[in-house]
């Protein structure tokens, strides 16, 4: 008979306590939106908005760790993950439109008041939602979700020529964006501990990025990203005015959004809780337990 070690028993116990995740689809204006859900609908809600080129899949582990105490809902944007990907000729792939679809998604699934958890693209989508419907947002969590000029890494300089002349630079920008090398770099960044990263993280995303029609979808959103930078002052003013409970969790090895972007939140909200972790752009790649513990502690402190 095999004898389990203490560590194995703890691991089994943790696995047994993990909240189940359900995988659903709901139609929003004729577009099927895939989403993951964990926890009882009677519990406080958390809306989780993903980054690029990921989907709600990036939150699967967090949903399992927090779903015992909270109701968590994580959608895939149109064009991402398992949601429909309408033709860009008939669907506007802009951050304004993604935010409108996600707002209607919350209505469709009955999530009216929630903590807004945002990573990467989730920040510009989520901030638009918050400004449009501030009464819906109880608190804010940013995971390498940037809204400050200080947080823009050097690679954003490469986007400026594309924004100035799309036709001249689109081919090269998309070739890089959809490559294995850039998709891998997005995860690892400057982290020297490359062995800690599961290669499936970027190989799965590489496959998603190279599905039919994705080149046009990704190009439209990268081009539209310049409008997020223009909106930074408005979002910062909103953060300063509202003073909502705010948690910032940041992987320090991120090359796209750097640590000064995390620290800048305290300028507009001095009570913002900021944690700089030894991880990358997708900090939960290697720091899931730590991120989950920090997030759970923050949520526990919120007024009921």
C-alpha atoms as a PDB file:
ATOM      1  CA  UNK A   1       0.000   0.000   0.000  1.00  0.00           C
ATOM      2  CA  UNK A   2       1.435   3.375  -0.995  1.00  0.00           C
ATOM      3  CA  UNK A   3       1.926   5.858   1.862  1.00  0.00           C
ATOM      4  CA  UNK A   4       1.257   9.498   0.965  1.00  0.00           C
ATOM      5  CA  UNK A   5       3.624  12.175   2.179  1.00  0.00           C
ATOM      6  CA  UNK A   6       2.362  15.185   4.138  1.00  0.00           C
ATOM      7  CA  UNK A   7       2.918  17.394   1.082  1.00  0.00           C
ATOM      8  CA  UNK A   8       0.895  15.034  -1.101  1.00  0.00           C
ATOM      9  CA  UNK A   9      -1.967  15.018   1.403  1.00  0.00           C
ATOM     10  CA  UNK A  10      -2.021  18.828   1.448  1.00  0.00           C
ATOM     11  CA  UNK A  11      -2.002  18.898  -2.360  1.00  0.00           C
ATOM     12  CA  UNK A  12      -4.883  16.447  -2.532  1.00  0.00           C
ATOM     13  CA  UNK A  13      -6.841  18.416   0.039  1.00  0.00           C
ATOM     14  CA  UNK A  14      -6.308  21.635  -1.894  1.00  0.00           C
ATOM     15  CA  UNK A  15      -7.433  19.988  -5.105  1.00  0.00           C
ATOM     16  CA  UNK A  16     -10.532  18.607  -3.413  1.00  0.00           C
ATOM     17  CA  UNK A  17     -11.465  22.071  -2.174  1.00  0.00           C
ATOM     18  CA  UNK A  18     -11.070  23.697  -5.573  1.00  0.00           C
ATOM     19  CA  UNK A  19     -14.278  25.256  -6.822  1.00  0.00           C
ATOM     20  CA  UNK A  20     -15.673  23.734 -10.015  1.00  0.00           C
ATOM     21  CA  UNK A  21     -15.700  25.881 -13.146  1.00  0.00           C
ATOM     22  CA  UNK A  22     -18.581  25.808 -15.609  1.00  0.00           C
ATOM     23  CA  UNK A  23     -18.231  26.777 -19.271  1.00  0.00           C
ATOM     24  CA  UNK A  24     -21.166  28.632 -20.806  1.00  0.00           C
ATOM     25  CA  UNK A  25     -22.188  30.617 -23.867  1.00  0.00           C
ATOM     26  CA  UNK A  26     -24.655  33.500 -24.097  1.00  0.00           C
ATOM     27  CA  UNK A  27     -25.755  35.512 -27.137  1.00  0.00           C
ATOM     28  CA  UNK A  28     -25.125  39.270 -27.088  1.00  0.00           C
ATOM     29  CA  UNK A  29     -26.476  41.134 -30.118  1.00  0.00           C
ATOM     30  CA  UNK A  30     -26.217  37.960 -32.150  1.00  0.00           C
ATOM     31  CA  UNK A  31     -22.632  37.215 -31.086  1.00  0.00           C
ATOM     32  CA  UNK A  32     -22.057  34.105 -28.971  1.00  0.00           C
ATOM     33  CA  UNK A  33     -19.929  35.053 -25.958  1.00  0.00           C
ATOM     34  CA  UNK A  34     -18.184  32.180 -24.190  1.00  0.00           C
ATOM     35  CA  UNK A  35     -17.550  32.560 -20.484  1.00  0.00           C
ATOM     36  CA  UNK A  36     -16.332  30.687 -17.441  1.00  0.00           C
ATOM     37  CA  UNK A  37     -18.167  30.820 -14.158  1.00  0.00           C
ATOM     38  CA  UNK A  38     -17.395  29.638 -10.646  1.00  0.00           C
ATOM     39  CA  UNK A  39     -19.110  30.060  -7.301  1.00  0.00           C
ATOM     40  CA  UNK A  40     -22.619  30.641  -6.037  1.00  0.00           C
ATOM     41  CA  UNK A  41     -24.593  33.487  -7.616  1.00  0.00           C
ATOM     42  CA  UNK A  42     -25.582  34.613  -4.106  1.00  0.00           C
ATOM     43  CA  UNK A  43     -21.939  35.451  -3.335  1.00  0.00           C
ATOM     44  CA  UNK A  44     -20.279  38.807  -4.142  1.00  0.00           C
ATOM     45  CA  UNK A  45     -19.532  38.991  -7.867  1.00  0.00           C
ATOM     46  CA  UNK A  46     -16.166  39.444  -9.576  1.00  0.00           C
ATOM     47  CA  UNK A  47     -16.006  40.201 -13.311  1.00  0.00           C
ATOM     48  CA  UNK A  48     -12.659  39.141 -14.807  1.00  0.00           C
ATOM     49  CA  UNK A  49     -11.526  40.736 -18.076  1.00  0.00           C
ATOM     50  CA  UNK A  50      -8.634  39.104 -19.922  1.00  0.00           C
ATOM     51  CA  UNK A  51      -5.642  40.304 -21.893  1.00  0.00           C
ATOM     52  CA  UNK A  52      -4.202  39.666 -25.349  1.00  0.00           C
ATOM     53  CA  UNK A  53      -3.805  37.173 -26.926  1.00  0.00           C
ATOM     54  CA  UNK A  54      -5.369  35.158 -24.139  1.00  0.00           C
ATOM     55  CA  UNK A  55      -8.976  34.610 -23.111  1.00  0.00           C
ATOM     56  CA  UNK A  56     -10.869  33.637 -19.980  1.00  0.00           C
ATOM     57  CA  UNK A  57      -8.592  30.576 -19.915  1.00  0.00           C
ATOM     58  CA  UNK A  58      -5.978  32.699 -18.125  1.00  0.00           C
ATOM     59  CA  UNK A  59      -8.321  32.913 -15.119  1.00  0.00           C
ATOM     60  CA  UNK A  60      -9.207  29.235 -14.839  1.00  0.00           C
ATOM     61  CA  UNK A  61      -6.877  28.637 -11.883  1.00  0.00           C
ATOM     62  CA  UNK A  62      -7.974  31.791 -10.068  1.00  0.00           C
ATOM     63  CA  UNK A  63     -11.641  30.870 -10.484  1.00  0.00           C
ATOM     64  CA  UNK A  64     -10.985  27.522  -8.839  1.00  0.00           C
ATOM     65  CA  UNK A  65      -9.172  29.146  -5.922  1.00  0.00           C
ATOM     66  CA  UNK A  66     -11.699  31.913  -5.241  1.00  0.00           C
ATOM     67  CA  UNK A  67     -14.944  30.274  -6.302  1.00  0.00           C
ATOM     68  CA  UNK A  68     -15.598  28.869  -2.832  1.00  0.00           C
ATOM     69  CA  UNK A  69     -16.296  32.372  -1.512  1.00  0.00           C
ATOM     70  CA  UNK A  70     -17.166  34.513  -4.548  1.00  0.00           C
ATOM     71  CA  UNK A  71     -19.186  34.418  -7.745  1.00  0.00           C
ATOM     72  CA  UNK A  72     -16.678  34.792 -10.573  1.00  0.00           C
ATOM     73  CA  UNK A  73     -17.536  35.393 -14.226  1.00  0.00           C
ATOM     74  CA  UNK A  74     -14.856  35.562 -16.934  1.00  0.00           C
ATOM     75  CA  UNK A  75     -15.970  36.205 -20.551  1.00  0.00           C
ATOM     76  CA  UNK A  76     -14.050  35.916 -23.816  1.00  0.00           C
ATOM     77  CA  UNK A  77     -14.238  39.062 -25.948  1.00  0.00           C
ATOM     78  CA  UNK A  78     -15.569  38.730 -29.498  1.00  0.00           C
ATOM     79  CA  UNK A  79     -12.685  37.444 -31.603  1.00  0.00           C
ATOM     80  CA  UNK A  80     -10.972  35.789 -28.635  1.00  0.00           C
ATOM     81  CA  UNK A  81     -10.991  32.353 -27.056  1.00  0.00           C
ATOM     82  CA  UNK A  82     -14.215  30.442 -27.675  1.00  0.00           C
ATOM     83  CA  UNK A  83     -16.435  33.425 -28.451  1.00  0.00           C
ATOM     84  CA  UNK A  84     -17.623  34.127 -31.985  1.00  0.00           C
ATOM     85  CA  UNK A  85     -15.251  36.082 -34.199  1.00  0.00           C
ATOM     86  CA  UNK A  86     -17.436  38.218 -36.476  1.00  0.00           C
ATOM     87  CA  UNK A  87     -15.912  39.517 -39.688  1.00  0.00           C
ATOM     88  CA  UNK A  88     -14.248  42.931 -39.120  1.00  0.00           C
ATOM     89  CA  UNK A  89     -16.226  44.146 -42.118  1.00  0.00           C
ATOM     90  CA  UNK A  90     -19.419  43.845 -40.071  1.00  0.00           C
ATOM     91  CA  UNK A  91     -18.156  44.128 -36.478  1.00  0.00           C
ATOM     92  CA  UNK A  92     -16.033  46.995 -35.122  1.00  0.00           C
ATOM     93  CA  UNK A  93     -12.986  45.648 -33.312  1.00  0.00           C
ATOM     94  CA  UNK A  94     -12.404  48.724 -31.182  1.00  0.00           C
ATOM     95  CA  UNK A  95     -12.079  48.991 -27.423  1.00  0.00           C
ATOM     96  CA  UNK A  96     -15.191  51.142 -27.334  1.00  0.00           C
ATOM     97  CA  UNK A  97     -17.171  48.354 -28.958  1.00  0.00           C
ATOM     98  CA  UNK A  98     -15.644  45.560 -26.856  1.00  0.00           C
ATOM     99  CA  UNK A  99     -16.631  47.512 -23.742  1.00  0.00           C
ATOM    100  CA  UNK A 100     -20.197  47.928 -25.012  1.00  0.00           C
ATOM    101  CA  UNK A 101     -20.474  44.208 -25.724  1.00  0.00           C
ATOM    102  CA  UNK A 102     -19.074  43.327 -22.296  1.00  0.00           C
ATOM    103  CA  UNK A 103     -21.529  45.741 -20.664  1.00  0.00           C
ATOM    104  CA  UNK A 104     -24.399  43.998 -22.427  1.00  0.00           C
ATOM    105  CA  UNK A 105     -22.862  40.678 -21.422  1.00  0.00           C
ATOM    106  CA  UNK A 106     -23.155  41.600 -17.739  1.00  0.00           C
ATOM    107  CA  UNK A 107     -26.827  42.369 -18.298  1.00  0.00           C
ATOM    108  CA  UNK A 108     -27.348  39.078 -20.128  1.00  0.00           C
ATOM    109  CA  UNK A 109     -25.858  36.990 -17.303  1.00  0.00           C
ATOM    110  CA  UNK A 110     -27.401  39.079 -14.510  1.00  0.00           C
ATOM    111  CA  UNK A 111     -24.192  40.459 -12.972  1.00  0.00           C
ATOM    112  CA  UNK A 112     -25.192  44.000 -12.017  1.00  0.00           C
ATOM    113  CA  UNK A 113     -22.682  44.914  -9.302  1.00  0.00           C
ATOM    114  CA  UNK A 114     -19.200  43.514  -9.149  1.00  0.00           C
ATOM    115  CA  UNK A 115     -15.519  43.853  -8.405  1.00  0.00           C
ATOM    116  CA  UNK A 116     -13.792  44.574 -11.720  1.00  0.00           C
ATOM    117  CA  UNK A 117     -10.600  42.529 -12.218  1.00  0.00           C
ATOM    118  CA  UNK A 118      -8.599  43.572 -15.296  1.00  0.00           C
ATOM    119  CA  UNK A 119      -5.432  42.343 -16.992  1.00  0.00           C
ATOM    120  CA  UNK A 120      -3.770  43.949 -20.046  1.00  0.00           C
ATOM    121  CA  UNK A 121      -6.573  44.601 -22.594  1.00  0.00           C
ATOM    122  CA  UNK A 122      -8.960  44.167 -19.680  1.00  0.00           C
ATOM    123  CA  UNK A 123      -7.953  47.575 -18.316  1.00  0.00           C
ATOM    124  CA  UNK A 124      -9.095  49.703 -21.290  1.00  0.00           C
ATOM    125  CA  UNK A 125     -12.212  47.562 -21.675  1.00  0.00           C
ATOM    126  CA  UNK A 126     -12.984  47.680 -17.961  1.00  0.00           C
ATOM    127  CA  UNK A 127     -12.296  51.377 -17.470  1.00  0.00           C
ATOM    128  CA  UNK A 128     -14.722  52.219 -20.260  1.00  0.00           C
ATOM    129  CA  UNK A 129     -17.319  50.076 -18.521  1.00  0.00           C
ATOM    130  CA  UNK A 130     -16.619  51.708 -15.156  1.00  0.00           C
ATOM    131  CA  UNK A 131     -16.913  55.243 -16.515  1.00  0.00           C
ATOM    132  CA  UNK A 132     -20.146  54.385 -18.344  1.00  0.00           C
ATOM    133  CA  UNK A 133     -21.746  52.636 -15.367  1.00  0.00           C
ATOM    134  CA  UNK A 134     -19.916  53.606 -12.160  1.00  0.00           C
ATOM    135  CA  UNK A 135     -22.694  52.343  -9.894  1.00  0.00           C
ATOM    136  CA  UNK A 136     -21.925  48.780 -11.031  1.00  0.00           C
ATOM    137  CA  UNK A 137     -18.345  48.730  -9.735  1.00  0.00           C
ATOM    138  CA  UNK A 138     -17.602  47.941  -6.071  1.00  0.00           C
ATOM    139  CA  UNK A 139     -13.811  47.811  -6.331  1.00  0.00           C
ATOM    140  CA  UNK A 140     -10.980  47.540  -8.844  1.00  0.00           C
ATOM    141  CA  UNK A 141      -8.204  44.996  -9.316  1.00  0.00           C
ATOM    142  CA  UNK A 142      -5.471  45.618 -11.895  1.00  0.00           C
ATOM    143  CA  UNK A 143      -3.110  42.801 -12.899  1.00  0.00           C
ATOM    144  CA  UNK A 144      -0.557  44.383 -15.220  1.00  0.00           C
ATOM    145  CA  UNK A 145      -3.434  46.420 -16.595  1.00  0.00           C
ATOM    146  CA  UNK A 146      -2.013  49.804 -17.470  1.00  0.00           C
ATOM    147  CA  UNK A 147      -3.678  53.246 -17.450  1.00  0.00           C
ATOM    148  CA  UNK A 148      -0.588  55.464 -16.993  1.00  0.00           C
ATOM    149  CA  UNK A 149       2.012  56.751 -19.455  1.00  0.00           C
ATOM    150  CA  UNK A 150       4.696  55.818 -16.918  1.00  0.00           C
ATOM    151  CA  UNK A 151       3.842  52.157 -17.374  1.00  0.00           C
ATOM    152  CA  UNK A 152       4.423  51.999 -21.127  1.00  0.00           C
ATOM    153  CA  UNK A 153       7.498  49.922 -21.923  1.00  0.00           C
ATOM    154  CA  UNK A 154       9.936  50.699 -24.722  1.00  0.00           C
ATOM    155  CA  UNK A 155       8.201  48.362 -27.158  1.00  0.00           C
ATOM    156  CA  UNK A 156       5.307  50.843 -27.445  1.00  0.00           C
ATOM    157  CA  UNK A 157       7.603  53.101 -29.469  1.00  0.00           C
ATOM    158  CA  UNK A 158       7.334  50.471 -32.225  1.00  0.00           C
ATOM    159  CA  UNK A 159       3.572  50.975 -32.323  1.00  0.00           C
ATOM    160  CA  UNK A 160       3.746  54.705 -33.053  1.00  0.00           C
ATOM    161  CA  UNK A 161       4.807  54.385 -36.721  1.00  0.00           C
ATOM    162  CA  UNK A 162       1.929  51.934 -37.249  1.00  0.00           C
ATOM    163  CA  UNK A 163      -0.513  54.368 -35.686  1.00  0.00           C
ATOM    164  CA  UNK A 164       0.822  57.143 -37.920  1.00  0.00           C
ATOM    165  CA  UNK A 165       0.741  55.087 -41.151  1.00  0.00           C
ATOM    166  CA  UNK A 166      -1.192  51.844 -40.851  1.00  0.00           C
ATOM    167  CA  UNK A 167      -0.828  50.744 -44.454  1.00  0.00           C
ATOM    168  CA  UNK A 168       2.956  51.039 -44.425  1.00  0.00           C
ATOM    169  CA  UNK A 169       3.516  49.077 -41.223  1.00  0.00           C
ATOM    170  CA  UNK A 170       0.602  46.672 -40.732  1.00  0.00           C
ATOM    171  CA  UNK A 171       2.221  43.656 -42.383  1.00  0.00           C
ATOM    172  CA  UNK A 172       5.304  43.788 -40.168  1.00  0.00           C
ATOM    173  CA  UNK A 173       3.358  44.558 -36.986  1.00  0.00           C
ATOM    174  CA  UNK A 174       1.002  41.614 -37.463  1.00  0.00           C
ATOM    175  CA  UNK A 175       3.788  39.236 -38.512  1.00  0.00           C
ATOM    176  CA  UNK A 176       5.507  39.980 -35.212  1.00  0.00           C
ATOM    177  CA  UNK A 177       2.353  39.946 -33.112  1.00  0.00           C
ATOM    178  CA  UNK A 178       1.334  36.517 -34.416  1.00  0.00           C
ATOM    179  CA  UNK A 179       4.775  34.914 -34.190  1.00  0.00           C
ATOM    180  CA  UNK A 180       5.810  32.272 -31.675  1.00  0.00           C
ATOM    181  CA  UNK A 181       8.748  34.414 -30.544  1.00  0.00           C
ATOM    182  CA  UNK A 182       6.687  37.472 -29.639  1.00  0.00           C
ATOM    183  CA  UNK A 183       3.911  35.376 -28.078  1.00  0.00           C
ATOM    184  CA  UNK A 184       6.525  33.632 -25.901  1.00  0.00           C
ATOM    185  CA  UNK A 185       8.215  36.917 -25.001  1.00  0.00           C
ATOM    186  CA  UNK A 186       4.903  38.372 -23.881  1.00  0.00           C
ATOM    187  CA  UNK A 187       4.777  35.741 -21.138  1.00  0.00           C
ATOM    188  CA  UNK A 188       8.406  35.508 -20.065  1.00  0.00           C
ATOM    189  CA  UNK A 189       9.502  39.124 -20.531  1.00  0.00           C
ATOM    190  CA  UNK A 190      12.724  39.697 -18.601  1.00  0.00           C
ATOM    191  CA  UNK A 191      12.182  36.843 -16.148  1.00  0.00           C
ATOM    192  CA  UNK A 192      15.425  34.824 -15.881  1.00  0.00           C
ATOM    193  CA  UNK A 193      13.514  31.811 -14.542  1.00  0.00           C
ATOM    194  CA  UNK A 194      12.319  30.660 -17.954  1.00  0.00           C
ATOM    195  CA  UNK A 195      12.021  27.034 -16.792  1.00  0.00           C
ATOM    196  CA  UNK A 196       9.049  28.012 -14.604  1.00  0.00           C
ATOM    197  CA  UNK A 197       6.864  28.722 -17.644  1.00  0.00           C
ATOM    198  CA  UNK A 198       4.734  26.071 -19.312  1.00  0.00           C
ATOM    199  CA  UNK A 199       5.363  26.363 -23.093  1.00  0.00           C
ATOM    200  CA  UNK A 200       1.702  25.475 -23.705  1.00  0.00           C
ATOM    201  CA  UNK A 201       0.869  28.978 -22.454  1.00  0.00           C
ATOM    202  CA  UNK A 202       2.174  30.580 -25.626  1.00  0.00           C
ATOM    203  CA  UNK A 203       1.817  27.684 -28.044  1.00  0.00           C
ATOM    204  CA  UNK A 204      -1.939  27.553 -27.390  1.00  0.00           C
ATOM    205  CA  UNK A 205      -2.169  31.323 -27.879  1.00  0.00           C
ATOM    206  CA  UNK A 206      -0.087  31.099 -31.043  1.00  0.00           C
ATOM    207  CA  UNK A 207      -2.644  28.652 -32.430  1.00  0.00           C
ATOM    208  CA  UNK A 208      -5.496  31.005 -31.521  1.00  0.00           C
ATOM    209  CA  UNK A 209      -3.711  33.972 -33.077  1.00  0.00           C
ATOM    210  CA  UNK A 210      -3.289  32.179 -36.375  1.00  0.00           C
ATOM    211  CA  UNK A 211      -6.871  31.082 -36.884  1.00  0.00           C
ATOM    212  CA  UNK A 212      -8.531  32.390 -40.069  1.00  0.00           C
ATOM    213  CA  UNK A 213      -9.468  36.055 -39.801  1.00  0.00           C
ATOM    214  CA  UNK A 214      -7.342  36.782 -36.754  1.00  0.00           C
ATOM    215  CA  UNK A 215      -4.815  38.956 -38.589  1.00  0.00           C
ATOM    216  CA  UNK A 216      -7.454  41.575 -39.366  1.00  0.00           C
ATOM    217  CA  UNK A 217      -9.012  41.387 -35.902  1.00  0.00           C
ATOM    218  CA  UNK A 218      -5.693  41.834 -34.117  1.00  0.00           C
ATOM    219  CA  UNK A 219      -4.592  44.599 -36.484  1.00  0.00           C
ATOM    220  CA  UNK A 220      -7.778  46.576 -35.832  1.00  0.00           C
ATOM    221  CA  UNK A 221      -7.314  46.376 -32.051  1.00  0.00           C
ATOM    222  CA  UNK A 222      -3.604  47.215 -32.123  1.00  0.00           C
ATOM    223  CA  UNK A 223      -4.381  50.233 -34.297  1.00  0.00           C
ATOM    224  CA  UNK A 224      -7.206  51.313 -32.002  1.00  0.00           C
ATOM    225  CA  UNK A 225      -4.979  51.007 -28.924  1.00  0.00           C
ATOM    226  CA  UNK A 226      -3.773  54.571 -29.497  1.00  0.00           C
ATOM    227  CA  UNK A 227      -7.208  55.714 -28.306  1.00  0.00           C
ATOM    228  CA  UNK A 228      -6.561  54.053 -24.954  1.00  0.00           C
ATOM    229  CA  UNK A 229      -3.521  56.265 -24.405  1.00  0.00           C
ATOM    230  CA  UNK A 230      -5.639  59.299 -25.249  1.00  0.00           C
ATOM    231  CA  UNK A 231      -8.165  58.199 -22.627  1.00  0.00           C
ATOM    232  CA  UNK A 232      -5.614  57.804 -19.811  1.00  0.00           C
ATOM    233  CA  UNK A 233      -6.206  61.321 -18.377  1.00  0.00           C
ATOM    234  CA  UNK A 234      -9.970  60.726 -18.261  1.00  0.00           C
ATOM    235  CA  UNK A 235      -9.542  57.381 -16.496  1.00  0.00           C
ATOM    236  CA  UNK A 236      -7.036  58.813 -14.043  1.00  0.00           C
ATOM    237  CA  UNK A 237      -9.447  61.621 -13.190  1.00  0.00           C
ATOM    238  CA  UNK A 238     -12.188  59.025 -12.651  1.00  0.00           C
ATOM    239  CA  UNK A 239      -9.950  57.013 -10.319  1.00  0.00           C
ATOM    240  CA  UNK A 240      -9.066  60.156  -8.381  1.00  0.00           C
ATOM    241  CA  UNK A 241     -12.696  61.208  -8.071  1.00  0.00           C
ATOM    242  CA  UNK A 242     -14.156  57.822  -7.127  1.00  0.00           C
ATOM    243  CA  UNK A 243     -11.445  56.599  -4.688  1.00  0.00           C
ATOM    244  CA  UNK A 244     -12.716  53.032  -4.918  1.00  0.00           C
ATOM    245  CA  UNK A 245     -10.912  50.236  -3.065  1.00  0.00           C
ATOM    246  CA  UNK A 246      -8.120  49.337  -5.491  1.00  0.00           C
ATOM    247  CA  UNK A 247      -5.690  46.430  -5.667  1.00  0.00           C
ATOM    248  CA  UNK A 248      -2.727  46.474  -8.050  1.00  0.00           C
ATOM    249  CA  UNK A 249      -0.845  43.189  -8.622  1.00  0.00           C
ATOM    250  CA  UNK A 250       2.067  43.519 -11.032  1.00  0.00           C
ATOM    251  CA  UNK A 251       4.637  41.130 -12.459  1.00  0.00           C
ATOM    252  CA  UNK A 252       7.923  43.014 -12.441  1.00  0.00           C
ATOM    253  CA  UNK A 253       9.345  41.228 -15.510  1.00  0.00           C
ATOM    254  CA  UNK A 254       6.664  42.633 -17.835  1.00  0.00           C
ATOM    255  CA  UNK A 255       8.234  44.377 -20.848  1.00  0.00           C
ATOM    256  CA  UNK A 256       4.968  45.871 -22.096  1.00  0.00           C
ATOM    257  CA  UNK A 257       3.735  47.447 -18.853  1.00  0.00           C
ATOM    258  CA  UNK A 258       6.482  48.323 -16.420  1.00  0.00           C
ATOM    259  CA  UNK A 259       6.512  48.734 -12.636  1.00  0.00           C
ATOM    260  CA  UNK A 260       6.184  52.558 -12.672  1.00  0.00           C
ATOM    261  CA  UNK A 261       2.715  52.008 -14.141  1.00  0.00           C
ATOM    262  CA  UNK A 262       1.753  50.036 -11.035  1.00  0.00           C
ATOM    263  CA  UNK A 263       3.159  52.606  -8.641  1.00  0.00           C
ATOM    264  CA  UNK A 264       1.376  55.447 -10.464  1.00  0.00           C
ATOM    265  CA  UNK A 265      -2.026  54.314  -9.172  1.00  0.00           C
ATOM    266  CA  UNK A 266      -1.129  55.741  -5.756  1.00  0.00           C
ATOM    267  CA  UNK A 267      -0.867  59.211  -7.289  1.00  0.00           C
ATOM    268  CA  UNK A 268      -4.615  59.309  -7.895  1.00  0.00           C
ATOM    269  CA  UNK A 269      -5.639  56.919  -5.123  1.00  0.00           C
ATOM    270  CA  UNK A 270      -3.176  57.050  -2.210  1.00  0.00           C
ATOM    271  CA  UNK A 271      -4.924  54.135  -0.511  1.00  0.00           C
ATOM    272  CA  UNK A 272      -4.423  51.795  -3.481  1.00  0.00           C
ATOM    273  CA  UNK A 273      -2.823  48.507  -2.412  1.00  0.00           C
ATOM    274  CA  UNK A 274       0.150  47.745  -4.680  1.00  0.00           C
ATOM    275  CA  UNK A 275       2.001  44.410  -4.842  1.00  0.00           C
ATOM    276  CA  UNK A 276       5.011  43.914  -7.131  1.00  0.00           C
ATOM    277  CA  UNK A 277       5.587  40.191  -7.689  1.00  0.00           C
ATOM    278  CA  UNK A 278       8.448  38.196  -9.168  1.00  0.00           C
ATOM    279  CA  UNK A 279       6.509  37.291 -12.300  1.00  0.00           C
ATOM    280  CA  UNK A 280       5.815  38.379 -15.837  1.00  0.00           C
ATOM    281  CA  UNK A 281       3.072  40.102 -17.814  1.00  0.00           C
ATOM    282  CA  UNK A 282       0.674  37.254 -16.989  1.00  0.00           C
ATOM    283  CA  UNK A 283       1.734  37.113 -13.367  1.00  0.00           C
ATOM    284  CA  UNK A 284      -0.397  34.061 -12.608  1.00  0.00           C
ATOM    285  CA  UNK A 285       1.743  32.002 -15.010  1.00  0.00           C
ATOM    286  CA  UNK A 286       4.171  31.464 -12.144  1.00  0.00           C
ATOM    287  CA  UNK A 287       2.589  33.217  -9.140  1.00  0.00           C
ATOM    288  CA  UNK A 288      -0.959  31.892  -9.074  1.00  0.00           C
ATOM    289  CA  UNK A 289      -1.025  30.963  -5.382  1.00  0.00           C
ATOM    290  CA  UNK A 290       0.464  34.292  -4.329  1.00  0.00           C
ATOM    291  CA  UNK A 291      -1.876  36.269  -6.572  1.00  0.00           C
ATOM    292  CA  UNK A 292      -4.891  34.313  -5.353  1.00  0.00           C
ATOM    293  CA  UNK A 293      -3.956  34.867  -1.701  1.00  0.00           C
ATOM    294  CA  UNK A 294      -3.459  38.613  -2.192  1.00  0.00           C
ATOM    295  CA  UNK A 295      -6.697  38.938  -4.151  1.00  0.00           C
ATOM    296  CA  UNK A 296      -8.694  36.913  -1.624  1.00  0.00           C
ATOM    297  CA  UNK A 297      -7.376  39.039   1.249  1.00  0.00           C
ATOM    298  CA  UNK A 298      -8.330  42.219  -0.618  1.00  0.00           C
ATOM    299  CA  UNK A 299     -11.821  40.980  -1.434  1.00  0.00           C
ATOM    300  CA  UNK A 300     -12.348  39.868   2.162  1.00  0.00           C
ATOM    301  CA  UNK A 301     -11.759  43.434   3.380  1.00  0.00           C
ATOM    302  CA  UNK A 302     -14.409  44.980   1.130  1.00  0.00           C
ATOM    303  CA  UNK A 303     -17.635  46.230   2.720  1.00  0.00           C
ATOM    304  CA  UNK A 304     -20.381  43.642   2.412  1.00  0.00           C
END
